[in-house]
Amino acid sequence: MEHLVIAISREYGSGGRRIGEAVSKKLGISYYDKVLLQLAAERSGLAPEFLEKSEEEASGSFLYHLSTATLGTNFFYQYDVGVGDKAFFAQTTVIRELADKESCVIIGRCGENILRERERCLKVFLYAPEEARVESLIAEYGITEKEARERIHRIDKGRSNYYRYYTGEHWGRPHAHDLCINTASAGIDGAVDLIVAMAKRM
């Protein structure tokens, strides 16, 4: 039987990290966010900081599909691959390897698209009204309202561009997910409970 993977995509400021960590603890499975970046950095030779920024700053209209690609270890060195694509290929390989190895929670990085063919992949999208996210960011980081709104617009736009560039689809599409949660309505604990309940049904 396949391992259970919970792939969480999230609007900035909707509580994705806190929710993902709590879900992993409740289910007793691994959690991959920053660690995923480190693993991909080791595979690609790129700095983790670059990989982290790539999702926030991606742009371009060329749609790069990987649905039928089989990437070997030497793929990066056999072909003339751009740095941004090299980063994505590394992350894709790491995500697939982790899913094959163990049950886990994976945050972002187009995880729900990369693993869309897996039967036991719970694909979650977290969102919330902008005002709620602004309040959350001000409380967490001590920034101004203006700074919070600027971060939300910049990072969400980057995530949308990144997703569209590498999948050819629109980020946050309901039909691409099994569960979409308004975290302002459900709350952090409520969102965790919903995800855990759905995961146990799988």
N, C-alpha and C. Protein backbone atom coordinates (compact mmCIF):
# COMPACT_ATOMS: atom_id res chain seq x y z
N MET A 1 0.83 -1.20 0.00
CA MET A 1 0.00 0.00 0.00
C MET A 1 0.87 1.25 0.00
N GLU A 2 0.45 2.26 -0.76
CA GLU A 2 1.20 3.51 -0.81
C GLU A 2 1.20 4.21 0.54
N HIS A 3 2.27 4.95 0.79
CA HIS A 3 2.31 5.80 1.97
C HIS A 3 1.30 6.95 1.80
N LEU A 4 0.80 7.47 2.91
CA LEU A 4 -0.10 8.62 2.88
C LEU A 4 0.72 9.90 2.84
N VAL A 5 0.44 10.74 1.85
CA VAL A 5 1.12 12.04 1.75
C VAL A 5 0.06 13.13 1.77
N ILE A 6 0.28 14.13 2.61
CA ILE A 6 -0.61 15.29 2.66
C ILE A 6 0.15 16.46 2.06
N ALA A 7 -0.28 16.89 0.88
CA ALA A 7 0.37 17.99 0.16
C ALA A 7 -0.45 19.26 0.38
N ILE A 8 0.16 20.22 1.07
CA ILE A 8 -0.56 21.45 1.43
C ILE A 8 -0.04 22.64 0.63
N SER A 9 -0.95 23.28 -0.10
CA SER A 9 -0.66 24.54 -0.77
C SER A 9 -1.39 25.62 0.01
N ARG A 10 -0.84 26.85 0.05
CA ARG A 10 -1.43 27.85 0.95
C ARG A 10 -1.18 29.26 0.48
N GLU A 11 -2.18 30.12 0.71
CA GLU A 11 -1.98 31.54 0.53
C GLU A 11 -1.08 32.04 1.65
N TYR A 12 -0.28 33.06 1.35
CA TYR A 12 0.64 33.58 2.35
C TYR A 12 -0.14 34.21 3.51
N GLY A 13 0.21 33.80 4.72
CA GLY A 13 -0.45 34.34 5.90
C GLY A 13 -1.67 33.56 6.35
N SER A 14 -1.95 32.43 5.69
CA SER A 14 -3.14 31.64 6.04
C SER A 14 -2.85 30.58 7.10
N GLY A 15 -1.61 30.50 7.57
CA GLY A 15 -1.28 29.57 8.64
C GLY A 15 -0.78 28.21 8.19
N GLY A 16 -0.30 28.11 6.96
CA GLY A 16 0.12 26.83 6.41
C GLY A 16 1.17 26.11 7.21
N ARG A 17 2.21 26.82 7.66
CA ARG A 17 3.28 26.16 8.40
C ARG A 17 2.77 25.61 9.72
N ARG A 18 2.04 26.43 10.49
CA ARG A 18 1.52 25.99 11.79
C ARG A 18 0.58 24.81 11.64
N ILE A 19 -0.28 24.87 10.63
CA ILE A 19 -1.24 23.80 10.40
C ILE A 19 -0.53 22.52 9.96
N GLY A 20 0.42 22.64 9.05
CA GLY A 20 1.16 21.47 8.58
C GLY A 20 1.92 20.79 9.70
N GLU A 21 2.58 21.57 10.53
CA GLU A 21 3.33 21.00 11.66
C GLU A 21 2.39 20.28 12.63
N ALA A 22 1.25 20.89 12.91
CA ALA A 22 0.30 20.30 13.86
C ALA A 22 -0.30 19.00 13.31
N VAL A 23 -0.59 18.98 12.01
CA VAL A 23 -1.12 17.77 11.38
C VAL A 23 -0.11 16.64 11.46
N SER A 24 1.16 16.94 11.18
CA SER A 24 2.19 15.91 11.22
C SER A 24 2.34 15.33 12.62
N LYS A 25 2.24 16.18 13.65
CA LYS A 25 2.34 15.70 15.02
C LYS A 25 1.15 14.83 15.40
N LYS A 26 -0.06 15.25 15.00
CA LYS A 26 -1.26 14.47 15.34
C LYS A 26 -1.25 13.09 14.67
N LEU A 27 -0.73 13.03 13.47
CA LEU A 27 -0.71 11.77 12.73
C LEU A 27 0.56 10.97 12.95
N GLY A 28 1.55 11.60 13.58
CA GLY A 28 2.81 10.91 13.83
C GLY A 28 3.61 10.64 12.57
N ILE A 29 3.58 11.59 11.63
CA ILE A 29 4.32 11.44 10.38
C ILE A 29 5.26 12.62 10.19
N SER A 30 6.17 12.51 9.24
CA SER A 30 7.19 13.54 9.02
C SER A 30 6.59 14.79 8.40
N TYR A 31 7.30 15.91 8.60
CA TYR A 31 6.89 17.21 8.08
C TYR A 31 8.04 17.78 7.25
N TYR A 32 7.75 18.18 6.01
CA TYR A 32 8.78 18.71 5.13
C TYR A 32 8.42 20.08 4.59
N ASP A 33 9.22 21.06 4.96
CA ASP A 33 9.09 22.42 4.46
C ASP A 33 10.49 22.92 4.16
N LYS A 34 11.15 23.49 5.15
CA LYS A 34 12.53 23.95 4.98
C LYS A 34 13.48 22.78 4.72
N VAL A 35 13.21 21.63 5.33
CA VAL A 35 14.07 20.46 5.14
C VAL A 35 14.04 20.02 3.67
N LEU A 36 12.88 20.14 3.05
CA LEU A 36 12.75 19.79 1.63
C LEU A 36 13.70 20.65 0.80
N LEU A 37 13.77 21.93 1.14
CA LEU A 37 14.67 22.83 0.43
C LEU A 37 16.13 22.42 0.60
N GLN A 38 16.48 21.99 1.81
CA GLN A 38 17.86 21.56 2.07
C GLN A 38 18.19 20.31 1.27
N LEU A 39 17.26 19.36 1.23
CA LEU A 39 17.49 18.13 0.46
C LEU A 39 17.63 18.43 -1.03
N ALA A 40 16.79 19.33 -1.54
CA ALA A 40 16.86 19.70 -2.95
C ALA A 40 18.15 20.46 -3.24
N ALA A 41 18.60 21.26 -2.28
CA ALA A 41 19.86 22.00 -2.44
C ALA A 41 21.03 21.04 -2.55
N GLU A 42 21.03 20.01 -1.72
CA GLU A 42 22.11 19.03 -1.76
C GLU A 42 22.13 18.29 -3.10
N ARG A 43 20.96 18.02 -3.64
CA ARG A 43 20.88 17.30 -4.91
C ARG A 43 21.30 18.17 -6.09
N SER A 44 20.91 19.45 -6.06
CA SER A 44 21.13 20.33 -7.22
C SER A 44 22.41 21.14 -7.14
N GLY A 45 22.95 21.30 -5.92
CA GLY A 45 24.13 22.15 -5.76
C GLY A 45 23.80 23.62 -5.66
N LEU A 46 22.51 23.95 -5.57
CA LEU A 46 22.06 25.33 -5.45
C LEU A 46 21.86 25.68 -3.98
N ALA A 47 21.97 26.96 -3.66
CA ALA A 47 21.80 27.41 -2.28
C ALA A 47 20.34 27.27 -1.85
N PRO A 48 20.09 26.83 -0.61
CA PRO A 48 18.70 26.73 -0.11
C PRO A 48 17.96 28.06 -0.20
N GLU A 49 18.69 29.17 -0.01
CA GLU A 49 18.07 30.49 -0.07
C GLU A 49 17.52 30.76 -1.47
N PHE A 50 18.25 30.30 -2.49
CA PHE A 50 17.77 30.48 -3.87
C PHE A 50 16.51 29.67 -4.10
N LEU A 51 16.49 28.44 -3.60
CA LEU A 51 15.33 27.59 -3.79
C LEU A 51 14.10 28.18 -3.10
N GLU A 52 14.32 28.76 -1.94
CA GLU A 52 13.21 29.35 -1.20
C GLU A 52 12.62 30.54 -1.94
N LYS A 53 13.49 31.35 -2.55
CA LYS A 53 13.03 32.54 -3.26
C LYS A 53 12.43 32.20 -4.61
N SER A 54 12.79 31.05 -5.18
CA SER A 54 12.35 30.72 -6.54
C SER A 54 10.84 30.67 -6.65
N GLU A 55 10.17 30.16 -5.62
CA GLU A 55 8.72 30.06 -5.66
C GLU A 55 8.08 31.45 -5.57
N GLU A 56 8.71 32.37 -4.84
CA GLU A 56 8.15 33.69 -4.64
C GLU A 56 8.40 34.64 -5.81
N GLU A 57 9.41 34.34 -6.61
CA GLU A 57 9.81 35.28 -7.66
C GLU A 57 9.65 34.74 -9.07
N ALA A 58 9.07 33.54 -9.21
CA ALA A 58 8.96 32.93 -10.54
C ALA A 58 8.06 33.75 -11.45
N SER A 59 8.41 33.80 -12.73
CA SER A 59 7.58 34.48 -13.72
C SER A 59 7.82 33.83 -15.07
N GLY A 60 7.02 34.20 -16.04
CA GLY A 60 7.20 33.66 -17.38
C GLY A 60 5.96 32.96 -17.86
N SER A 61 5.76 32.92 -19.17
CA SER A 61 4.56 32.32 -19.74
C SER A 61 4.80 30.93 -20.31
N PHE A 62 6.07 30.54 -20.40
CA PHE A 62 6.37 29.21 -20.95
C PHE A 62 5.98 28.13 -19.95
N LEU A 63 5.11 27.21 -20.34
CA LEU A 63 4.61 26.18 -19.43
C LEU A 63 5.46 24.92 -19.55
N TYR A 64 6.08 24.58 -18.43
CA TYR A 64 7.02 23.47 -18.42
C TYR A 64 6.36 22.26 -17.76
N HIS A 65 6.07 21.21 -18.53
CA HIS A 65 5.36 20.06 -18.00
C HIS A 65 6.32 18.93 -17.63
N LEU A 66 6.07 18.30 -16.47
CA LEU A 66 6.91 17.20 -16.02
C LEU A 66 6.10 15.92 -15.81
N SER A 67 4.87 15.89 -16.22
CA SER A 67 3.97 14.79 -15.88
C SER A 67 4.48 13.43 -16.37
N THR A 68 5.22 13.42 -17.48
CA THR A 68 5.70 12.15 -18.02
C THR A 68 7.22 12.05 -17.94
N ALA A 69 7.87 12.99 -17.27
CA ALA A 69 9.34 13.00 -17.23
C ALA A 69 9.85 12.02 -16.20
N THR A 70 10.92 11.33 -16.55
CA THR A 70 11.65 10.48 -15.60
C THR A 70 13.04 11.07 -15.48
N LEU A 71 13.35 11.61 -14.31
CA LEU A 71 14.59 12.36 -14.16
C LEU A 71 15.61 11.53 -13.40
N GLY A 72 16.73 11.24 -14.04
CA GLY A 72 17.81 10.53 -13.38
C GLY A 72 18.75 11.49 -12.70
N THR A 73 19.68 10.93 -11.91
CA THR A 73 20.62 11.75 -11.16
C THR A 73 21.46 12.62 -12.07
N ASN A 74 21.79 12.12 -13.26
CA ASN A 74 22.68 12.87 -14.15
C ASN A 74 21.94 13.77 -15.12
N PHE A 75 20.62 13.89 -14.95
CA PHE A 75 19.81 14.68 -15.88
C PHE A 75 20.32 16.10 -16.00
N PHE A 76 20.66 16.72 -14.86
CA PHE A 76 21.06 18.13 -14.85
C PHE A 76 22.34 18.36 -15.65
N TYR A 77 23.16 17.33 -15.71
CA TYR A 77 24.47 17.51 -16.33
C TYR A 77 24.47 17.09 -17.81
N GLN A 78 23.42 16.37 -18.23
CA GLN A 78 23.35 15.92 -19.61
C GLN A 78 22.70 16.96 -20.51
N TYR A 79 21.90 17.85 -19.91
CA TYR A 79 21.15 18.82 -20.70
C TYR A 79 21.43 20.24 -20.20
N ASP A 80 21.24 21.17 -21.09
CA ASP A 80 21.44 22.58 -20.75
C ASP A 80 20.16 23.10 -20.09
N VAL A 81 20.09 22.96 -18.78
CA VAL A 81 18.89 23.32 -18.04
C VAL A 81 19.13 24.63 -17.29
N GLY A 82 18.17 25.57 -17.38
CA GLY A 82 18.28 26.84 -16.68
C GLY A 82 18.31 26.62 -15.17
N VAL A 83 18.83 27.59 -14.44
CA VAL A 83 18.97 27.44 -12.99
C VAL A 83 17.62 27.26 -12.31
N GLY A 84 16.62 28.06 -12.74
CA GLY A 84 15.30 27.93 -12.14
C GLY A 84 14.70 26.56 -12.38
N ASP A 85 14.86 26.03 -13.61
CA ASP A 85 14.34 24.70 -13.93
C ASP A 85 15.10 23.62 -13.17
N LYS A 86 16.40 23.82 -13.04
CA LYS A 86 17.23 22.87 -12.29
C LYS A 86 16.73 22.77 -10.85
N ALA A 87 16.37 23.91 -10.26
CA ALA A 87 15.84 23.93 -8.90
C ALA A 87 14.54 23.15 -8.83
N PHE A 88 13.67 23.37 -9.80
CA PHE A 88 12.38 22.68 -9.77
C PHE A 88 12.54 21.18 -9.99
N PHE A 89 13.41 20.79 -10.91
CA PHE A 89 13.64 19.37 -11.14
C PHE A 89 14.14 18.69 -9.86
N ALA A 90 15.05 19.34 -9.15
CA ALA A 90 15.59 18.78 -7.92
C ALA A 90 14.50 18.61 -6.87
N GLN A 91 13.66 19.63 -6.73
CA GLN A 91 12.57 19.57 -5.76
C GLN A 91 11.56 18.49 -6.13
N THR A 92 11.27 18.36 -7.43
CA THR A 92 10.34 17.34 -7.90
C THR A 92 10.85 15.94 -7.55
N THR A 93 12.12 15.70 -7.81
CA THR A 93 12.72 14.40 -7.52
C THR A 93 12.68 14.10 -6.03
N VAL A 94 13.03 15.09 -5.21
CA VAL A 94 13.03 14.90 -3.76
C VAL A 94 11.61 14.60 -3.25
N ILE A 95 10.62 15.35 -3.73
CA ILE A 95 9.23 15.14 -3.29
C ILE A 95 8.77 13.72 -3.63
N ARG A 96 9.07 13.26 -4.82
CA ARG A 96 8.66 11.90 -5.22
C ARG A 96 9.38 10.85 -4.39
N GLU A 97 10.65 11.06 -4.10
CA GLU A 97 11.41 10.10 -3.30
C GLU A 97 10.88 10.04 -1.87
N LEU A 98 10.54 11.20 -1.30
CA LEU A 98 10.00 11.23 0.06
C LEU A 98 8.65 10.51 0.11
N ALA A 99 7.81 10.74 -0.89
CA ALA A 99 6.50 10.10 -0.94
C ALA A 99 6.62 8.59 -1.07
N ASP A 100 7.63 8.12 -1.76
CA ASP A 100 7.86 6.69 -1.91
C ASP A 100 8.42 6.06 -0.64
N LYS A 101 9.09 6.89 0.16
CA LYS A 101 9.80 6.39 1.34
C LYS A 101 8.94 6.33 2.59
N GLU A 102 8.05 7.33 2.80
CA GLU A 102 7.33 7.41 4.07
C GLU A 102 6.08 8.27 3.95
N SER A 103 5.20 8.11 4.93
CA SER A 103 4.04 9.00 5.04
C SER A 103 4.54 10.34 5.56
N CYS A 104 4.00 11.44 5.02
CA CYS A 104 4.53 12.74 5.40
C CYS A 104 3.59 13.87 4.99
N VAL A 105 3.89 15.06 5.54
CA VAL A 105 3.23 16.30 5.14
C VAL A 105 4.24 17.11 4.34
N ILE A 106 3.85 17.57 3.16
CA ILE A 106 4.73 18.37 2.31
C ILE A 106 4.06 19.72 2.06
N ILE A 107 4.80 20.79 2.32
CA ILE A 107 4.27 22.14 2.16
C ILE A 107 4.74 22.76 0.84
N GLY A 108 3.79 23.21 0.03
CA GLY A 108 4.11 23.98 -1.17
C GLY A 108 4.87 23.23 -2.25
N ARG A 109 5.58 23.98 -3.08
CA ARG A 109 6.44 23.45 -4.14
C ARG A 109 5.70 22.60 -5.16
N CYS A 110 4.42 22.93 -5.41
CA CYS A 110 3.61 22.21 -6.39
C CYS A 110 3.43 20.73 -6.02
N GLY A 111 3.55 20.43 -4.74
CA GLY A 111 3.49 19.04 -4.29
C GLY A 111 2.24 18.31 -4.71
N GLU A 112 1.08 18.99 -4.64
CA GLU A 112 -0.17 18.31 -4.99
C GLU A 112 -0.24 18.00 -6.48
N ASN A 113 0.45 18.78 -7.32
CA ASN A 113 0.49 18.50 -8.75
C ASN A 113 1.49 17.41 -9.07
N ILE A 114 2.64 17.47 -8.45
CA ILE A 114 3.69 16.47 -8.67
C ILE A 114 3.20 15.08 -8.28
N LEU A 115 2.39 15.01 -7.21
CA LEU A 115 1.93 13.72 -6.69
C LEU A 115 0.48 13.42 -7.07
N ARG A 116 -0.04 14.08 -8.09
CA ARG A 116 -1.47 13.98 -8.39
C ARG A 116 -1.90 12.57 -8.81
N GLU A 117 -0.99 11.74 -9.28
CA GLU A 117 -1.36 10.40 -9.70
C GLU A 117 -1.40 9.40 -8.54
N ARG A 118 -0.93 9.81 -7.38
CA ARG A 118 -0.93 8.91 -6.23
C ARG A 118 -2.34 8.82 -5.63
N GLU A 119 -2.77 7.60 -5.34
CA GLU A 119 -4.10 7.42 -4.76
C GLU A 119 -4.17 7.95 -3.33
N ARG A 120 -3.10 7.79 -2.58
CA ARG A 120 -3.12 8.19 -1.17
C ARG A 120 -2.38 9.51 -0.97
N CYS A 121 -2.77 10.50 -1.75
CA CYS A 121 -2.24 11.85 -1.57
C CYS A 121 -3.42 12.78 -1.30
N LEU A 122 -3.47 13.33 -0.11
CA LEU A 122 -4.53 14.28 0.26
C LEU A 122 -4.05 15.67 -0.11
N LYS A 123 -4.72 16.28 -1.07
CA LYS A 123 -4.31 17.57 -1.60
C LYS A 123 -5.15 18.67 -0.96
N VAL A 124 -4.47 19.57 -0.24
CA VAL A 124 -5.16 20.59 0.56
C VAL A 124 -4.75 21.98 0.11
N PHE A 125 -5.74 22.89 0.04
CA PHE A 125 -5.44 24.29 -0.22
C PHE A 125 -5.98 25.13 0.93
N LEU A 126 -5.12 25.96 1.52
CA LEU A 126 -5.50 26.83 2.64
C LEU A 126 -5.58 28.27 2.16
N TYR A 127 -6.66 28.95 2.51
CA TYR A 127 -6.83 30.34 2.10
C TYR A 127 -7.53 31.10 3.21
N ALA A 128 -7.55 32.41 3.08
CA ALA A 128 -8.25 33.25 4.05
C ALA A 128 -8.41 34.65 3.45
N PRO A 129 -9.41 35.42 3.89
CA PRO A 129 -9.56 36.79 3.41
C PRO A 129 -8.29 37.59 3.71
N GLU A 130 -8.00 38.56 2.86
CA GLU A 130 -6.77 39.34 3.03
C GLU A 130 -6.70 40.01 4.40
N GLU A 131 -7.81 40.56 4.88
CA GLU A 131 -7.78 41.26 6.17
C GLU A 131 -7.33 40.34 7.29
N ALA A 132 -7.80 39.10 7.27
CA ALA A 132 -7.42 38.14 8.31
C ALA A 132 -5.93 37.81 8.20
N ARG A 133 -5.43 37.72 7.00
CA ARG A 133 -4.01 37.40 6.81
C ARG A 133 -3.13 38.58 7.21
N VAL A 134 -3.59 39.78 6.93
CA VAL A 134 -2.86 40.98 7.35
C VAL A 134 -2.73 41.00 8.87
N GLU A 135 -3.82 40.76 9.57
CA GLU A 135 -3.79 40.75 11.03
C GLU A 135 -2.85 39.68 11.56
N SER A 136 -2.86 38.52 10.93
CA SER A 136 -2.00 37.41 11.35
C SER A 136 -0.53 37.76 11.18
N LEU A 137 -0.17 38.38 10.05
CA LEU A 137 1.22 38.74 9.78
C LEU A 137 1.71 39.85 10.72
N ILE A 138 0.84 40.80 11.01
CA ILE A 138 1.21 41.88 11.94
C ILE A 138 1.51 41.29 13.32
N ALA A 139 0.65 40.36 13.76
CA ALA A 139 0.83 39.74 15.07
C ALA A 139 2.08 38.87 15.11
N GLU A 140 2.37 38.15 14.03
CA GLU A 140 3.49 37.22 14.03
C GLU A 140 4.83 37.90 13.83
N TYR A 141 4.90 38.90 12.95
CA TYR A 141 6.18 39.50 12.59
C TYR A 141 6.37 40.93 13.10
N GLY A 142 5.32 41.53 13.63
CA GLY A 142 5.44 42.89 14.13
C GLY A 142 5.66 43.91 13.03
N ILE A 143 5.13 43.65 11.84
CA ILE A 143 5.31 44.57 10.72
C ILE A 143 4.08 45.48 10.60
N THR A 144 4.19 46.48 9.74
CA THR A 144 3.07 47.41 9.55
C THR A 144 2.01 46.79 8.63
N GLU A 145 0.85 47.39 8.62
CA GLU A 145 -0.22 46.91 7.74
C GLU A 145 0.22 46.99 6.27
N LYS A 146 0.89 48.09 5.91
CA LYS A 146 1.35 48.25 4.54
C LYS A 146 2.34 47.15 4.16
N GLU A 147 3.28 46.88 5.06
CA GLU A 147 4.27 45.83 4.78
C GLU A 147 3.59 44.47 4.65
N ALA A 148 2.59 44.21 5.48
CA ALA A 148 1.88 42.93 5.44
C ALA A 148 1.17 42.76 4.09
N ARG A 149 0.50 43.81 3.64
CA ARG A 149 -0.22 43.73 2.36
C ARG A 149 0.76 43.55 1.20
N GLU A 150 1.88 44.25 1.26
CA GLU A 150 2.88 44.13 0.19
C GLU A 150 3.42 42.71 0.12
N ARG A 151 3.69 42.11 1.29
CA ARG A 151 4.19 40.73 1.32
C ARG A 151 3.16 39.77 0.74
N ILE A 152 1.91 39.94 1.15
CA ILE A 152 0.85 39.06 0.66
C ILE A 152 0.75 39.12 -0.85
N HIS A 153 0.72 40.32 -1.41
CA HIS A 153 0.56 40.47 -2.86
C HIS A 153 1.78 39.93 -3.61
N ARG A 154 2.97 40.23 -3.09
CA ARG A 154 4.19 39.78 -3.77
C ARG A 154 4.34 38.26 -3.72
N ILE A 155 4.17 37.69 -2.55
CA ILE A 155 4.41 36.26 -2.40
C ILE A 155 3.31 35.43 -3.06
N ASP A 156 2.06 35.85 -2.91
CA ASP A 156 0.99 35.12 -3.58
C ASP A 156 1.13 35.18 -5.10
N LYS A 157 1.54 36.34 -5.61
CA LYS A 157 1.74 36.46 -7.06
C LYS A 157 2.87 35.54 -7.51
N GLY A 158 3.96 35.50 -6.72
CA GLY A 158 5.08 34.62 -7.06
C GLY A 158 4.67 33.16 -7.05
N ARG A 159 3.90 32.75 -6.04
CA ARG A 159 3.46 31.37 -5.96
C ARG A 159 2.55 31.01 -7.13
N SER A 160 1.69 31.96 -7.51
CA SER A 160 0.79 31.73 -8.64
C SER A 160 1.57 31.59 -9.94
N ASN A 161 2.54 32.48 -10.15
CA ASN A 161 3.37 32.42 -11.35
C ASN A 161 4.17 31.12 -11.41
N TYR A 162 4.75 30.77 -10.27
CA TYR A 162 5.56 29.55 -10.16
C TYR A 162 4.72 28.33 -10.51
N TYR A 163 3.53 28.26 -9.95
CA TYR A 163 2.65 27.11 -10.18
C TYR A 163 2.24 27.04 -11.64
N ARG A 164 1.85 28.17 -12.20
CA ARG A 164 1.41 28.21 -13.60
C ARG A 164 2.57 27.85 -14.54
N TYR A 165 3.75 28.36 -14.26
CA TYR A 165 4.92 28.13 -15.12
C TYR A 165 5.28 26.65 -15.19
N TYR A 166 5.24 25.97 -14.02
CA TYR A 166 5.69 24.58 -13.98
C TYR A 166 4.59 23.55 -14.13
N THR A 167 3.32 23.95 -14.07
CA THR A 167 2.25 22.96 -14.22
C THR A 167 1.31 23.28 -15.36
N GLY A 168 1.26 24.55 -15.79
CA GLY A 168 0.33 24.94 -16.84
C GLY A 168 -1.08 25.12 -16.33
N GLU A 169 -1.25 25.13 -15.01
CA GLU A 169 -2.57 25.25 -14.40
C GLU A 169 -2.63 26.44 -13.46
N HIS A 170 -3.84 26.81 -13.05
CA HIS A 170 -4.01 27.94 -12.14
C HIS A 170 -3.85 27.50 -10.69
N TRP A 171 -3.07 28.26 -9.95
CA TRP A 171 -2.82 27.99 -8.54
C TRP A 171 -4.11 28.17 -7.73
N GLY A 172 -4.37 27.24 -6.79
CA GLY A 172 -5.53 27.35 -5.92
C GLY A 172 -6.83 26.85 -6.53
N ARG A 173 -6.75 26.22 -7.71
CA ARG A 173 -7.94 25.70 -8.37
C ARG A 173 -8.64 24.66 -7.48
N PRO A 174 -9.92 24.85 -7.11
CA PRO A 174 -10.60 23.89 -6.24
C PRO A 174 -10.55 22.45 -6.75
N HIS A 175 -10.72 22.26 -8.07
CA HIS A 175 -10.77 20.91 -8.61
C HIS A 175 -9.42 20.19 -8.55
N ALA A 176 -8.37 20.91 -8.24
CA ALA A 176 -7.05 20.28 -8.11
C ALA A 176 -6.80 19.80 -6.68
N HIS A 177 -7.76 20.03 -5.80
CA HIS A 177 -7.58 19.70 -4.38
C HIS A 177 -8.73 18.85 -3.86
N ASP A 178 -8.43 18.09 -2.83
CA ASP A 178 -9.46 17.29 -2.16
C ASP A 178 -10.16 18.09 -1.07
N LEU A 179 -9.46 19.09 -0.56
CA LEU A 179 -9.99 19.85 0.58
C LEU A 179 -9.49 21.29 0.51
N CYS A 180 -10.40 22.25 0.50
CA CYS A 180 -10.05 23.67 0.54
C CYS A 180 -10.62 24.25 1.83
N ILE A 181 -9.78 24.93 2.61
CA ILE A 181 -10.20 25.40 3.92
C ILE A 181 -9.95 26.90 4.07
N ASN A 182 -10.99 27.62 4.48
CA ASN A 182 -10.85 29.02 4.85
C ASN A 182 -10.38 29.03 6.30
N THR A 183 -9.10 29.31 6.53
CA THR A 183 -8.55 29.20 7.88
C THR A 183 -9.04 30.31 8.81
N ALA A 184 -9.55 31.39 8.24
CA ALA A 184 -10.14 32.45 9.08
C ALA A 184 -11.44 31.95 9.69
N SER A 185 -12.19 31.15 8.96
CA SER A 185 -13.45 30.59 9.45
C SER A 185 -13.23 29.37 10.34
N ALA A 186 -12.36 28.48 9.89
CA ALA A 186 -12.13 27.23 10.62
C ALA A 186 -11.22 27.41 11.82
N GLY A 187 -10.31 28.41 11.75
CA GLY A 187 -9.30 28.56 12.78
C GLY A 187 -8.19 27.54 12.56
N ILE A 188 -7.05 27.75 13.21
CA ILE A 188 -5.92 26.84 13.05
C ILE A 188 -6.29 25.43 13.53
N ASP A 189 -6.84 25.33 14.72
CA ASP A 189 -7.19 24.02 15.28
C ASP A 189 -8.27 23.34 14.45
N GLY A 190 -9.24 24.11 13.99
CA GLY A 190 -10.31 23.54 13.17
C GLY A 190 -9.78 23.00 11.85
N ALA A 191 -8.86 23.75 11.24
CA ALA A 191 -8.26 23.30 9.99
C ALA A 191 -7.47 22.01 10.20
N VAL A 192 -6.73 21.96 11.29
CA VAL A 192 -5.96 20.75 11.61
C VAL A 192 -6.90 19.56 11.76
N ASP A 193 -7.99 19.74 12.50
CA ASP A 193 -8.94 18.65 12.72
C ASP A 193 -9.57 18.17 11.42
N LEU A 194 -9.90 19.10 10.52
CA LEU A 194 -10.49 18.73 9.23
C LEU A 194 -9.52 17.90 8.39
N ILE A 195 -8.27 18.33 8.36
CA ILE A 195 -7.26 17.61 7.56
C ILE A 195 -7.00 16.23 8.14
N VAL A 196 -6.87 16.15 9.45
CA VAL A 196 -6.61 14.86 10.11
C VAL A 196 -7.77 13.90 9.87
N ALA A 197 -9.00 14.40 10.01
CA ALA A 197 -10.18 13.55 9.79
C ALA A 197 -10.22 13.01 8.36
N MET A 198 -9.92 13.88 7.39
CA MET A 198 -9.93 13.46 5.99
C MET A 198 -8.80 12.47 5.73
N ALA A 199 -7.65 12.72 6.32
CA ALA A 199 -6.50 11.83 6.14
C ALA A 199 -6.81 10.43 6.66
N LYS A 200 -7.46 10.36 7.80
CA LYS A 200 -7.79 9.05 8.40
C LYS A 200 -8.77 8.28 7.54
N ARG A 201 -9.61 8.99 6.79
CA ARG A 201 -10.54 8.31 5.88
C ARG A 201 -9.81 7.70 4.70
N MET A 202 -8.61 8.19 4.41
CA MET A 202 -7.83 7.68 3.29
C MET A 202 -6.98 6.48 3.70
